[in-house]
N, C-alpha and C. Protein backbone atom coordinates (compact mmCIF):
# COMPACT_ATOMS: atom_id res chain seq x y z
N MET A 1 -6.34 -70.59 -55.88
CA MET A 1 -7.68 -70.06 -56.15
C MET A 1 -7.85 -68.67 -55.55
N LYS A 2 -7.38 -68.51 -54.29
CA LYS A 2 -7.52 -67.22 -53.64
C LYS A 2 -6.68 -66.17 -54.35
N ARG A 3 -5.46 -66.58 -54.78
CA ARG A 3 -4.58 -65.65 -55.48
C ARG A 3 -5.21 -65.21 -56.79
N ALA A 4 -5.82 -66.17 -57.51
CA ALA A 4 -6.47 -65.84 -58.79
C ALA A 4 -7.63 -64.90 -58.57
N SER A 5 -8.39 -65.12 -57.51
CA SER A 5 -9.53 -64.25 -57.22
C SER A 5 -9.05 -62.84 -56.93
N MET A 6 -7.96 -62.73 -56.18
CA MET A 6 -7.43 -61.41 -55.86
C MET A 6 -6.93 -60.71 -57.11
N PHE A 7 -6.28 -61.47 -58.02
CA PHE A 7 -5.80 -60.87 -59.26
C PHE A 7 -6.96 -60.37 -60.11
N ALA A 8 -7.99 -61.19 -60.22
CA ALA A 8 -9.15 -60.80 -61.02
C ALA A 8 -9.82 -59.57 -60.43
N ALA A 9 -9.93 -59.52 -59.10
CA ALA A 9 -10.55 -58.36 -58.44
C ALA A 9 -9.74 -57.10 -58.70
N ALA A 10 -8.41 -57.22 -58.65
CA ALA A 10 -7.55 -56.07 -58.91
C ALA A 10 -7.69 -55.59 -60.35
N ALA A 11 -7.80 -56.54 -61.26
CA ALA A 11 -7.95 -56.18 -62.67
C ALA A 11 -9.28 -55.49 -62.92
N VAL A 12 -10.33 -55.97 -62.28
CA VAL A 12 -11.65 -55.34 -62.40
C VAL A 12 -11.60 -53.91 -61.86
N ALA A 13 -10.89 -53.72 -60.75
CA ALA A 13 -10.75 -52.39 -60.19
C ALA A 13 -10.03 -51.46 -61.16
N ALA A 14 -9.00 -51.98 -61.81
CA ALA A 14 -8.28 -51.18 -62.80
C ALA A 14 -9.17 -50.82 -63.97
N LEU A 15 -10.01 -51.77 -64.38
CA LEU A 15 -10.94 -51.53 -65.48
C LEU A 15 -11.94 -50.44 -65.10
N SER A 16 -12.44 -50.48 -63.89
CA SER A 16 -13.39 -49.47 -63.43
C SER A 16 -12.74 -48.09 -63.39
N MET A 17 -11.48 -48.05 -62.95
CA MET A 17 -10.76 -46.79 -62.88
C MET A 17 -10.58 -46.20 -64.27
N ALA A 18 -10.28 -47.08 -65.24
CA ALA A 18 -10.11 -46.61 -66.62
C ALA A 18 -11.40 -46.02 -67.15
N ALA A 19 -12.51 -46.64 -66.80
CA ALA A 19 -13.81 -46.13 -67.25
C ALA A 19 -14.10 -44.77 -66.63
N CYS A 20 -13.75 -44.60 -65.37
CA CYS A 20 -13.99 -43.32 -64.69
C CYS A 20 -13.15 -42.20 -65.28
N GLN A 21 -11.96 -42.55 -65.78
CA GLN A 21 -11.07 -41.54 -66.35
C GLN A 21 -11.46 -41.16 -67.77
N LYS A 22 -12.34 -41.94 -68.39
CA LYS A 22 -12.65 -41.74 -69.80
C LYS A 22 -13.18 -40.35 -70.08
N LYS A 23 -14.12 -39.88 -69.28
CA LYS A 23 -14.73 -38.58 -69.54
C LYS A 23 -13.69 -37.46 -69.50
N ASP A 24 -12.80 -37.52 -68.51
CA ASP A 24 -11.78 -36.49 -68.38
C ASP A 24 -10.85 -36.49 -69.59
N GLU A 25 -10.45 -37.67 -70.05
CA GLU A 25 -9.53 -37.76 -71.18
C GLU A 25 -10.18 -37.22 -72.44
N VAL A 26 -11.44 -37.56 -72.63
CA VAL A 26 -12.14 -37.09 -73.82
C VAL A 26 -12.34 -35.59 -73.77
N ALA A 27 -12.72 -35.09 -72.58
CA ALA A 27 -12.97 -33.66 -72.43
C ALA A 27 -11.72 -32.83 -72.67
N ASN A 28 -10.56 -33.35 -72.30
CA ASN A 28 -9.31 -32.61 -72.42
C ASN A 28 -8.63 -32.79 -73.77
N SER A 29 -9.20 -33.59 -74.64
CA SER A 29 -8.57 -33.88 -75.93
C SER A 29 -9.01 -32.90 -77.00
N ALA A 30 -8.08 -32.58 -77.91
CA ALA A 30 -8.44 -31.73 -79.04
C ALA A 30 -9.29 -32.50 -80.04
N ASP A 31 -9.22 -33.81 -79.99
CA ASP A 31 -10.00 -34.68 -80.88
C ASP A 31 -10.70 -35.73 -80.04
N PRO A 32 -11.82 -35.36 -79.39
CA PRO A 32 -12.50 -36.28 -78.47
C PRO A 32 -12.88 -37.60 -79.10
N GLY A 33 -13.27 -37.61 -80.38
CA GLY A 33 -13.67 -38.86 -81.02
C GLY A 33 -12.53 -39.86 -81.09
N THR A 34 -11.35 -39.37 -81.47
CA THR A 34 -10.19 -40.25 -81.56
C THR A 34 -9.78 -40.76 -80.19
N THR A 35 -9.76 -39.86 -79.20
CA THR A 35 -9.38 -40.25 -77.85
C THR A 35 -10.37 -41.26 -77.27
N ASN A 36 -11.65 -40.99 -77.49
CA ASN A 36 -12.67 -41.89 -76.97
C ASN A 36 -12.50 -43.29 -77.55
N SER A 37 -12.22 -43.38 -78.85
CA SER A 37 -12.02 -44.66 -79.50
C SER A 37 -10.82 -45.39 -78.91
N ALA A 38 -9.72 -44.66 -78.67
CA ALA A 38 -8.51 -45.27 -78.11
C ALA A 38 -8.74 -45.75 -76.69
N VAL A 39 -9.43 -44.94 -75.90
CA VAL A 39 -9.71 -45.33 -74.52
C VAL A 39 -10.62 -46.55 -74.47
N ASN A 40 -11.64 -46.58 -75.33
CA ASN A 40 -12.53 -47.73 -75.37
C ASN A 40 -11.79 -49.00 -75.77
N ALA A 41 -10.87 -48.88 -76.73
CA ALA A 41 -10.09 -50.03 -77.15
C ALA A 41 -9.21 -50.53 -76.01
N ALA A 42 -8.62 -49.61 -75.26
CA ALA A 42 -7.79 -50.00 -74.12
C ALA A 42 -8.63 -50.66 -73.04
N GLN A 43 -9.83 -50.15 -72.85
CA GLN A 43 -10.75 -50.72 -71.86
C GLN A 43 -11.14 -52.14 -72.27
N ASP A 44 -11.42 -52.35 -73.55
CA ASP A 44 -11.76 -53.69 -74.03
C ASP A 44 -10.59 -54.65 -73.86
N ALA A 45 -9.37 -54.16 -74.08
CA ALA A 45 -8.19 -55.01 -73.94
C ALA A 45 -8.01 -55.43 -72.48
N THR A 46 -8.24 -54.50 -71.56
CA THR A 46 -8.16 -54.84 -70.14
C THR A 46 -9.24 -55.83 -69.76
N SER A 47 -10.43 -55.62 -70.31
CA SER A 47 -11.54 -56.54 -70.07
C SER A 47 -11.21 -57.94 -70.53
N ALA A 48 -10.56 -58.05 -71.70
CA ALA A 48 -10.18 -59.35 -72.24
C ALA A 48 -9.21 -60.06 -71.30
N ALA A 49 -8.26 -59.31 -70.73
CA ALA A 49 -7.28 -59.91 -69.81
C ALA A 49 -7.96 -60.40 -68.54
N VAL A 50 -8.90 -59.62 -68.03
CA VAL A 50 -9.65 -60.03 -66.84
C VAL A 50 -10.44 -61.30 -67.12
N GLY A 51 -11.12 -61.33 -68.25
CA GLY A 51 -11.92 -62.49 -68.61
C GLY A 51 -11.10 -63.74 -68.79
N ALA A 52 -9.94 -63.59 -69.42
CA ALA A 52 -9.08 -64.75 -69.63
C ALA A 52 -8.61 -65.33 -68.31
N THR A 53 -8.27 -64.47 -67.37
CA THR A 53 -7.83 -64.93 -66.05
C THR A 53 -8.94 -65.65 -65.31
N SER A 54 -10.14 -65.06 -65.34
CA SER A 54 -11.29 -65.66 -64.66
C SER A 54 -11.64 -67.02 -65.25
N ALA A 55 -11.67 -67.09 -66.59
CA ALA A 55 -12.04 -68.35 -67.25
C ALA A 55 -11.03 -69.44 -66.99
N ALA A 56 -9.76 -69.07 -66.88
CA ALA A 56 -8.69 -70.06 -66.73
C ALA A 56 -8.49 -70.51 -65.29
N THR A 57 -9.17 -69.86 -64.35
CA THR A 57 -8.98 -70.21 -62.94
C THR A 57 -10.29 -70.58 -62.28
N MET A 58 -11.03 -69.59 -61.84
CA MET A 58 -12.22 -69.84 -61.04
C MET A 58 -13.30 -70.62 -61.79
N GLY A 59 -13.55 -70.25 -63.07
CA GLY A 59 -14.62 -70.89 -63.82
C GLY A 59 -14.40 -72.36 -64.08
N GLN A 60 -13.16 -72.80 -64.07
CA GLN A 60 -12.88 -74.21 -64.34
C GLN A 60 -13.13 -75.09 -63.12
N MET A 61 -13.04 -74.52 -61.95
CA MET A 61 -13.12 -75.31 -60.72
C MET A 61 -14.47 -75.20 -60.02
N SER A 62 -15.03 -74.02 -60.05
CA SER A 62 -16.25 -73.74 -59.29
C SER A 62 -17.47 -73.79 -60.19
N THR A 63 -18.45 -74.63 -59.83
CA THR A 63 -19.68 -74.69 -60.61
C THR A 63 -20.41 -73.36 -60.57
N GLU A 64 -20.40 -72.70 -59.41
CA GLU A 64 -21.04 -71.40 -59.26
C GLU A 64 -20.44 -70.39 -60.23
N ASP A 65 -19.12 -70.34 -60.29
CA ASP A 65 -18.45 -69.40 -61.19
C ASP A 65 -18.64 -69.78 -62.65
N PHE A 66 -18.66 -71.07 -62.93
CA PHE A 66 -18.89 -71.51 -64.30
C PHE A 66 -20.27 -71.06 -64.77
N VAL A 67 -21.28 -71.30 -63.95
CA VAL A 67 -22.65 -70.92 -64.30
C VAL A 67 -22.74 -69.42 -64.54
N THR A 68 -22.15 -68.64 -63.64
CA THR A 68 -22.20 -67.18 -63.77
C THR A 68 -21.53 -66.73 -65.07
N ASN A 69 -20.33 -67.23 -65.31
CA ASN A 69 -19.59 -66.80 -66.50
C ASN A 69 -20.23 -67.28 -67.79
N ALA A 70 -20.74 -68.50 -67.81
CA ALA A 70 -21.36 -69.03 -69.02
C ALA A 70 -22.64 -68.26 -69.35
N ALA A 71 -23.45 -67.98 -68.34
CA ALA A 71 -24.70 -67.27 -68.57
C ALA A 71 -24.46 -65.84 -69.04
N ILE A 72 -23.51 -65.15 -68.40
CA ILE A 72 -23.22 -63.78 -68.80
C ILE A 72 -22.59 -63.74 -70.19
N SER A 73 -21.76 -64.72 -70.49
CA SER A 73 -21.17 -64.81 -71.83
C SER A 73 -22.25 -64.88 -72.90
N ASP A 74 -23.24 -65.74 -72.68
CA ASP A 74 -24.33 -65.86 -73.65
C ASP A 74 -25.12 -64.56 -73.76
N MET A 75 -25.41 -63.92 -72.62
CA MET A 75 -26.17 -62.67 -72.65
C MET A 75 -25.41 -61.59 -73.40
N TYR A 76 -24.10 -61.51 -73.15
CA TYR A 76 -23.28 -60.53 -73.85
C TYR A 76 -23.31 -60.80 -75.36
N GLU A 77 -23.12 -62.06 -75.75
CA GLU A 77 -23.09 -62.40 -77.18
C GLU A 77 -24.40 -62.04 -77.87
N ILE A 78 -25.51 -62.27 -77.20
CA ILE A 78 -26.82 -61.96 -77.77
C ILE A 78 -26.98 -60.46 -77.95
N GLN A 79 -26.64 -59.69 -76.91
CA GLN A 79 -26.78 -58.24 -77.01
C GLN A 79 -25.82 -57.65 -78.04
N ALA A 80 -24.57 -58.13 -78.04
CA ALA A 80 -23.59 -57.63 -79.01
C ALA A 80 -24.00 -58.00 -80.42
N GLY A 81 -24.54 -59.20 -80.60
CA GLY A 81 -24.99 -59.62 -81.92
C GLY A 81 -26.13 -58.77 -82.44
N GLN A 82 -27.03 -58.37 -81.55
CA GLN A 82 -28.14 -57.50 -81.94
C GLN A 82 -27.62 -56.15 -82.40
N ILE A 83 -26.61 -55.64 -81.70
CA ILE A 83 -26.01 -54.36 -82.10
C ILE A 83 -25.31 -54.50 -83.44
N ALA A 84 -24.59 -55.62 -83.64
CA ALA A 84 -23.86 -55.83 -84.89
C ALA A 84 -24.80 -55.90 -86.08
N GLN A 85 -25.99 -56.45 -85.87
CA GLN A 85 -26.94 -56.51 -86.98
C GLN A 85 -27.38 -55.12 -87.42
N LYS A 86 -27.39 -54.18 -86.48
CA LYS A 86 -27.82 -52.82 -86.79
C LYS A 86 -26.67 -51.94 -87.26
N LYS A 87 -25.49 -52.08 -86.60
CA LYS A 87 -24.40 -51.15 -86.85
C LYS A 87 -23.29 -51.72 -87.73
N GLY A 88 -23.31 -53.01 -88.01
CA GLY A 88 -22.26 -53.61 -88.81
C GLY A 88 -22.14 -52.95 -90.18
N GLN A 89 -20.89 -52.71 -90.61
CA GLN A 89 -20.66 -52.05 -91.88
C GLN A 89 -20.50 -53.05 -93.03
N SER A 90 -20.12 -54.27 -92.72
CA SER A 90 -19.99 -55.31 -93.74
C SER A 90 -21.09 -56.34 -93.55
N GLN A 91 -21.43 -56.99 -94.65
CA GLN A 91 -22.47 -58.02 -94.56
C GLN A 91 -22.00 -59.18 -93.71
N GLY A 92 -20.69 -59.47 -93.75
CA GLY A 92 -20.15 -60.56 -92.94
C GLY A 92 -20.34 -60.34 -91.46
N VAL A 93 -20.13 -59.11 -91.01
CA VAL A 93 -20.32 -58.79 -89.60
C VAL A 93 -21.80 -58.84 -89.23
N LYS A 94 -22.65 -58.32 -90.09
CA LYS A 94 -24.09 -58.38 -89.81
C LYS A 94 -24.56 -59.83 -89.70
N ASP A 95 -24.11 -60.66 -90.63
CA ASP A 95 -24.51 -62.07 -90.63
C ASP A 95 -23.96 -62.80 -89.40
N PHE A 96 -22.73 -62.48 -89.03
CA PHE A 96 -22.14 -63.11 -87.85
C PHE A 96 -22.91 -62.70 -86.59
N GLY A 97 -23.27 -61.43 -86.50
CA GLY A 97 -24.06 -60.97 -85.36
C GLY A 97 -25.38 -61.72 -85.25
N LYS A 98 -26.04 -61.94 -86.39
CA LYS A 98 -27.29 -62.70 -86.40
C LYS A 98 -27.06 -64.13 -85.92
N MET A 99 -25.97 -64.73 -86.37
CA MET A 99 -25.65 -66.10 -85.96
C MET A 99 -25.38 -66.17 -84.46
N MET A 100 -24.72 -65.13 -83.92
CA MET A 100 -24.44 -65.12 -82.48
C MET A 100 -25.74 -65.08 -81.66
N VAL A 101 -26.70 -64.30 -82.11
CA VAL A 101 -27.98 -64.24 -81.40
C VAL A 101 -28.64 -65.62 -81.40
N THR A 102 -28.66 -66.26 -82.57
CA THR A 102 -29.30 -67.57 -82.70
C THR A 102 -28.57 -68.64 -81.89
N ASP A 103 -27.25 -68.72 -82.09
CA ASP A 103 -26.49 -69.81 -81.45
C ASP A 103 -26.40 -69.66 -79.94
N HIS A 104 -26.19 -68.44 -79.46
CA HIS A 104 -26.03 -68.26 -78.02
C HIS A 104 -27.37 -68.27 -77.28
N THR A 105 -28.44 -67.96 -77.98
CA THR A 105 -29.77 -68.17 -77.38
C THR A 105 -30.00 -69.66 -77.20
N ALA A 106 -29.61 -70.45 -78.20
CA ALA A 106 -29.75 -71.90 -78.11
C ALA A 106 -28.87 -72.48 -77.00
N LEU A 107 -27.62 -72.02 -76.91
CA LEU A 107 -26.72 -72.50 -75.85
C LEU A 107 -27.28 -72.16 -74.47
N SER A 108 -27.79 -70.95 -74.33
CA SER A 108 -28.36 -70.53 -73.04
C SER A 108 -29.56 -71.39 -72.67
N ASN A 109 -30.42 -71.65 -73.65
CA ASN A 109 -31.60 -72.48 -73.37
C ASN A 109 -31.23 -73.91 -73.00
N GLU A 110 -30.15 -74.42 -73.60
CA GLU A 110 -29.70 -75.77 -73.27
C GLU A 110 -29.14 -75.84 -71.85
N MET A 111 -28.51 -74.76 -71.41
CA MET A 111 -27.89 -74.72 -70.09
C MET A 111 -28.91 -74.55 -68.95
N LYS A 112 -30.00 -73.87 -69.23
CA LYS A 112 -30.93 -73.49 -68.15
C LYS A 112 -31.41 -74.67 -67.31
N PRO A 113 -31.94 -75.75 -67.88
CA PRO A 113 -32.40 -76.86 -67.03
C PRO A 113 -31.25 -77.55 -66.30
N LEU A 114 -30.06 -77.55 -66.89
CA LEU A 114 -28.91 -78.17 -66.24
C LEU A 114 -28.44 -77.33 -65.05
N ILE A 115 -28.55 -76.03 -65.19
CA ILE A 115 -28.20 -75.13 -64.08
C ILE A 115 -29.16 -75.36 -62.92
N THR A 116 -30.44 -75.47 -63.24
CA THR A 116 -31.45 -75.73 -62.20
C THR A 116 -31.20 -77.07 -61.53
N ALA A 117 -30.88 -78.08 -62.33
CA ALA A 117 -30.62 -79.42 -61.79
C ALA A 117 -29.40 -79.43 -60.89
N ALA A 118 -28.45 -78.54 -61.16
CA ALA A 118 -27.25 -78.45 -60.34
C ALA A 118 -27.47 -77.64 -59.07
N GLY A 119 -28.68 -77.11 -58.91
CA GLY A 119 -28.99 -76.33 -57.73
C GLY A 119 -28.43 -74.93 -57.76
N LYS A 120 -28.16 -74.40 -58.94
CA LYS A 120 -27.58 -73.07 -59.08
C LYS A 120 -28.59 -72.12 -59.73
N THR A 121 -28.31 -70.83 -59.61
CA THR A 121 -29.16 -69.81 -60.22
C THR A 121 -28.31 -68.94 -61.11
N ALA A 122 -28.69 -68.82 -62.36
CA ALA A 122 -27.93 -68.00 -63.31
C ALA A 122 -28.27 -66.53 -63.11
N PRO A 123 -27.31 -65.64 -63.33
CA PRO A 123 -27.59 -64.21 -63.26
C PRO A 123 -28.54 -63.81 -64.37
N THR A 124 -29.24 -62.71 -64.16
CA THR A 124 -30.22 -62.25 -65.15
C THR A 124 -29.76 -61.02 -65.90
N GLY A 125 -28.58 -60.51 -65.58
CA GLY A 125 -28.07 -59.32 -66.26
C GLY A 125 -26.56 -59.38 -66.39
N LEU A 126 -26.03 -58.50 -67.21
CA LEU A 126 -24.60 -58.45 -67.44
C LEU A 126 -23.85 -57.93 -66.22
N ASP A 127 -22.59 -58.34 -66.09
CA ASP A 127 -21.72 -57.75 -65.08
C ASP A 127 -21.17 -56.44 -65.62
N GLU A 128 -20.45 -55.70 -64.76
CA GLU A 128 -19.95 -54.39 -65.16
C GLU A 128 -18.96 -54.50 -66.32
N ARG A 129 -18.18 -55.56 -66.36
CA ARG A 129 -17.19 -55.73 -67.42
C ARG A 129 -17.87 -55.84 -68.78
N ARG A 130 -18.86 -56.71 -68.89
CA ARG A 130 -19.55 -56.88 -70.16
C ARG A 130 -20.43 -55.67 -70.50
N LYS A 131 -20.98 -55.00 -69.47
CA LYS A 131 -21.72 -53.76 -69.74
C LYS A 131 -20.81 -52.74 -70.41
N GLY A 132 -19.56 -52.67 -69.94
CA GLY A 132 -18.61 -51.74 -70.54
C GLY A 132 -18.33 -52.07 -71.99
N MET A 133 -18.25 -53.36 -72.29
CA MET A 133 -18.02 -53.78 -73.68
C MET A 133 -19.20 -53.41 -74.57
N ILE A 134 -20.41 -53.60 -74.06
CA ILE A 134 -21.61 -53.23 -74.82
C ILE A 134 -21.64 -51.71 -75.02
N ASP A 135 -21.30 -50.96 -73.98
CA ASP A 135 -21.26 -49.50 -74.11
C ASP A 135 -20.28 -49.08 -75.19
N ASN A 136 -19.13 -49.75 -75.26
CA ASN A 136 -18.13 -49.40 -76.26
C ASN A 136 -18.60 -49.74 -77.67
N LEU A 137 -19.37 -50.81 -77.81
CA LEU A 137 -19.94 -51.12 -79.13
C LEU A 137 -20.94 -50.05 -79.54
N ASN A 138 -21.79 -49.65 -78.62
CA ASN A 138 -22.78 -48.63 -78.93
C ASN A 138 -22.13 -47.29 -79.25
N ALA A 139 -20.97 -47.03 -78.63
CA ALA A 139 -20.29 -45.74 -78.82
C ALA A 139 -19.39 -45.73 -80.05
N ALA A 140 -19.09 -46.89 -80.62
CA ALA A 140 -18.15 -46.97 -81.74
C ALA A 140 -18.68 -46.21 -82.96
N ALA A 141 -17.80 -45.44 -83.56
CA ALA A 141 -18.16 -44.76 -84.81
C ALA A 141 -18.36 -45.80 -85.90
N PRO A 142 -19.20 -45.50 -86.89
CA PRO A 142 -19.45 -46.48 -87.96
C PRO A 142 -18.17 -47.03 -88.59
N ALA A 143 -17.19 -46.16 -88.83
CA ALA A 143 -15.94 -46.60 -89.47
C ALA A 143 -15.13 -47.55 -88.59
N ASP A 144 -15.36 -47.49 -87.27
CA ASP A 144 -14.60 -48.32 -86.33
C ASP A 144 -15.37 -49.54 -85.86
N PHE A 145 -16.66 -49.61 -86.20
CA PHE A 145 -17.50 -50.61 -85.55
C PHE A 145 -17.05 -52.04 -85.82
N ASP A 146 -16.86 -52.40 -87.07
CA ASP A 146 -16.54 -53.79 -87.39
C ASP A 146 -15.27 -54.25 -86.69
N LYS A 147 -14.24 -53.41 -86.71
CA LYS A 147 -12.98 -53.75 -86.05
C LYS A 147 -13.18 -53.92 -84.55
N THR A 148 -13.95 -53.00 -83.95
CA THR A 148 -14.21 -53.07 -82.50
C THR A 148 -14.99 -54.33 -82.15
N TYR A 149 -16.03 -54.61 -82.92
CA TYR A 149 -16.86 -55.78 -82.66
C TYR A 149 -16.06 -57.07 -82.80
N LEU A 150 -15.28 -57.18 -83.87
CA LEU A 150 -14.52 -58.42 -84.08
C LEU A 150 -13.42 -58.60 -83.05
N ALA A 151 -12.81 -57.51 -82.61
CA ALA A 151 -11.80 -57.62 -81.54
C ALA A 151 -12.44 -58.12 -80.26
N GLN A 152 -13.62 -57.59 -79.94
CA GLN A 152 -14.34 -58.07 -78.76
C GLN A 152 -14.72 -59.54 -78.92
N GLN A 153 -15.15 -59.91 -80.11
CA GLN A 153 -15.59 -61.28 -80.34
C GLN A 153 -14.43 -62.27 -80.24
N GLU A 154 -13.27 -61.88 -80.72
CA GLU A 154 -12.11 -62.75 -80.58
C GLU A 154 -11.79 -63.00 -79.11
N ALA A 155 -11.77 -61.92 -78.33
CA ALA A 155 -11.47 -62.05 -76.90
C ALA A 155 -12.55 -62.84 -76.18
N ALA A 156 -13.82 -62.54 -76.49
CA ALA A 156 -14.93 -63.20 -75.80
C ALA A 156 -14.99 -64.69 -76.10
N HIS A 157 -14.70 -65.08 -77.33
CA HIS A 157 -14.76 -66.50 -77.67
C HIS A 157 -13.52 -67.25 -77.20
N ASN A 158 -12.38 -66.57 -77.14
CA ASN A 158 -11.22 -67.20 -76.49
C ASN A 158 -11.52 -67.48 -75.02
N GLU A 159 -12.13 -66.51 -74.36
CA GLU A 159 -12.51 -66.66 -72.95
C GLU A 159 -13.52 -67.79 -72.78
N ALA A 160 -14.55 -67.80 -73.63
CA ALA A 160 -15.59 -68.83 -73.52
C ALA A 160 -15.04 -70.21 -73.80
N LEU A 161 -14.11 -70.30 -74.75
CA LEU A 161 -13.53 -71.60 -75.09
C LEU A 161 -12.71 -72.14 -73.91
N THR A 162 -11.93 -71.28 -73.29
CA THR A 162 -11.16 -71.67 -72.10
C THR A 162 -12.09 -72.13 -70.99
N LEU A 163 -13.18 -71.39 -70.80
CA LEU A 163 -14.16 -71.73 -69.76
C LEU A 163 -14.79 -73.09 -70.02
N MET A 164 -15.27 -73.31 -71.23
CA MET A 164 -15.95 -74.56 -71.56
C MET A 164 -15.00 -75.76 -71.49
N GLN A 165 -13.83 -75.63 -72.08
CA GLN A 165 -12.87 -76.73 -72.05
C GLN A 165 -12.41 -77.03 -70.63
N GLY A 166 -12.20 -75.97 -69.86
CA GLY A 166 -11.73 -76.16 -68.48
C GLY A 166 -12.76 -76.86 -67.61
N TYR A 167 -14.03 -76.42 -67.70
CA TYR A 167 -15.05 -77.05 -66.87
C TYR A 167 -15.34 -78.47 -67.34
N ALA A 168 -15.28 -78.68 -68.66
CA ALA A 168 -15.48 -80.04 -69.18
C ALA A 168 -14.44 -81.00 -68.62
N ASP A 169 -13.24 -80.50 -68.38
CA ASP A 169 -12.16 -81.34 -67.85
C ASP A 169 -12.18 -81.44 -66.32
N LYS A 170 -12.53 -80.33 -65.65
CA LYS A 170 -12.31 -80.26 -64.20
C LYS A 170 -13.56 -79.99 -63.38
N GLY A 171 -14.69 -79.73 -64.01
CA GLY A 171 -15.91 -79.41 -63.27
C GLY A 171 -16.41 -80.58 -62.46
N ASP A 172 -17.31 -80.30 -61.52
CA ASP A 172 -17.79 -81.36 -60.62
C ASP A 172 -19.27 -81.68 -60.79
N ASP A 173 -19.95 -81.07 -61.78
CA ASP A 173 -21.36 -81.41 -62.04
C ASP A 173 -21.42 -82.12 -63.39
N ALA A 174 -21.90 -83.35 -63.39
CA ALA A 174 -21.86 -84.18 -64.60
C ALA A 174 -22.65 -83.57 -65.75
N GLY A 175 -23.83 -83.04 -65.47
CA GLY A 175 -24.66 -82.47 -66.52
C GLY A 175 -24.02 -81.26 -67.16
N LEU A 176 -23.48 -80.37 -66.35
CA LEU A 176 -22.85 -79.17 -66.86
C LEU A 176 -21.52 -79.48 -67.56
N LYS A 177 -20.81 -80.51 -67.05
CA LYS A 177 -19.58 -80.94 -67.71
C LYS A 177 -19.88 -81.40 -69.14
N ALA A 178 -20.92 -82.18 -69.29
CA ALA A 178 -21.30 -82.67 -70.62
C ALA A 178 -21.72 -81.52 -71.53
N ALA A 179 -22.45 -80.55 -70.97
CA ALA A 179 -22.89 -79.40 -71.75
C ALA A 179 -21.70 -78.55 -72.18
N ALA A 180 -20.74 -78.39 -71.29
CA ALA A 180 -19.54 -77.62 -71.61
C ALA A 180 -18.75 -78.30 -72.72
N ALA A 181 -18.62 -79.63 -72.63
CA ALA A 181 -17.90 -80.38 -73.66
C ALA A 181 -18.60 -80.27 -75.01
N LYS A 182 -19.94 -80.26 -75.00
CA LYS A 182 -20.71 -80.14 -76.23
C LYS A 182 -20.59 -78.74 -76.82
N ALA A 183 -20.54 -77.72 -75.94
CA ALA A 183 -20.50 -76.32 -76.39
C ALA A 183 -19.14 -75.94 -76.96
N ALA A 184 -18.06 -76.55 -76.46
CA ALA A 184 -16.71 -76.13 -76.84
C ALA A 184 -16.47 -76.12 -78.35
N PRO A 185 -16.86 -77.17 -79.10
CA PRO A 185 -16.64 -77.13 -80.56
C PRO A 185 -17.40 -76.00 -81.25
N LYS A 186 -18.59 -75.69 -80.77
CA LYS A 186 -19.37 -74.59 -81.34
C LYS A 186 -18.66 -73.26 -81.10
N VAL A 187 -18.14 -73.08 -79.89
CA VAL A 187 -17.42 -71.86 -79.57
C VAL A 187 -16.14 -71.76 -80.42
N GLN A 188 -15.46 -72.88 -80.61
CA GLN A 188 -14.27 -72.90 -81.45
C GLN A 188 -14.62 -72.51 -82.89
N ALA A 189 -15.74 -73.00 -83.38
CA ALA A 189 -16.17 -72.65 -84.74
C ALA A 189 -16.45 -71.15 -84.85
N HIS A 190 -17.06 -70.59 -83.82
CA HIS A 190 -17.30 -69.14 -83.80
C HIS A 190 -15.98 -68.38 -83.84
N LEU A 191 -15.03 -68.82 -83.04
CA LEU A 191 -13.73 -68.16 -82.99
C LEU A 191 -13.04 -68.23 -84.35
N ASP A 192 -13.09 -69.38 -84.98
CA ASP A 192 -12.49 -69.53 -86.31
C ASP A 192 -13.15 -68.58 -87.32
N HIS A 193 -14.47 -68.42 -87.20
CA HIS A 193 -15.20 -67.53 -88.10
C HIS A 193 -14.78 -66.09 -87.88
N VAL A 194 -14.61 -65.70 -86.62
CA VAL A 194 -14.16 -64.35 -86.30
C VAL A 194 -12.80 -64.08 -86.97
N LYS A 195 -11.89 -65.01 -86.84
CA LYS A 195 -10.56 -64.83 -87.41
C LYS A 195 -10.60 -64.73 -88.94
N GLN A 196 -11.52 -65.46 -89.55
CA GLN A 196 -11.69 -65.36 -91.00
C GLN A 196 -12.17 -63.97 -91.39
N LEU A 197 -13.12 -63.44 -90.63
CA LEU A 197 -13.62 -62.09 -90.91
C LEU A 197 -12.53 -61.05 -90.71
N GLN A 198 -11.70 -61.24 -89.69
CA GLN A 198 -10.63 -60.28 -89.42
C GLN A 198 -9.57 -60.29 -90.52
N SER A 199 -9.35 -61.43 -91.12
CA SER A 199 -8.29 -61.56 -92.12
C SER A 199 -8.78 -61.36 -93.55
N ALA A 200 -10.08 -61.13 -93.72
CA ALA A 200 -10.63 -60.93 -95.05
C ALA A 200 -9.98 -59.70 -95.69
N PRO A 201 -9.48 -59.80 -96.93
CA PRO A 201 -8.78 -58.68 -97.56
C PRO A 201 -9.67 -57.47 -97.82
N ALA A 202 -10.94 -57.72 -98.10
CA ALA A 202 -11.87 -56.61 -98.34
C ALA A 202 -13.26 -57.08 -97.92
N ALA A 203 -13.84 -56.34 -96.96
CA ALA A 203 -15.15 -56.72 -96.46
C ALA A 203 -16.23 -56.32 -97.45
N ALA A 204 -17.16 -57.22 -97.69
CA ALA A 204 -18.30 -56.90 -98.55
C ALA A 204 -19.21 -55.92 -97.84
N PRO A 205 -19.63 -54.85 -98.51
CA PRO A 205 -20.51 -53.88 -97.85
C PRO A 205 -21.85 -54.51 -97.50
N ALA A 206 -22.45 -53.98 -96.44
CA ALA A 206 -23.75 -54.49 -96.01
C ALA A 206 -24.82 -54.19 -97.05
N LYS A 207 -25.77 -55.08 -97.17
CA LYS A 207 -26.87 -54.89 -98.09
C LYS A 207 -27.77 -53.76 -97.59
N LYS A 208 -28.20 -52.95 -98.50
CA LYS A 208 -29.09 -51.83 -98.14
C LYS A 208 -30.53 -52.31 -98.04
């Protein structure tokens, strides 16, 4: 557990360093838009690795970490879904974003009384990692948005699925274990939907 925590902390530090270097890389590039997109993609990839490590270790064993990660996951999905509804270039992405707002608001509301019953307090805002992901969505050029959003969604739902399945198997609070077990199939369905959108041969344009 201690080793996993140290690894996650080191990865977060690396992610922060990458974010700090972003301005310099963009400023020194002959094509700032292209460089910014590449740096944001690399930052999202690092974020995905950090999240996967956290979900597979600390979140499965610690109720405190499970609550924190589950709550932030829902908040991120809601905010990202709201952005997708506005910036999505295909109707499929816009519709998926709307579904994420609806479904993750419902998941969050189901968790709230169980979190209270477990004697825990959920965070009220995003962590730096998810803030960076939201920033990258907001910064994505229209032509890059759908790809960026779906890549984030694949990573985020893989992370959430690992978290839910892990706590359902190994968690120590009965109410939250049951909620995690109930949430896992919904998260899996979301992940399957993301992969369908990614593999679609031609995205339908968004309705005007």
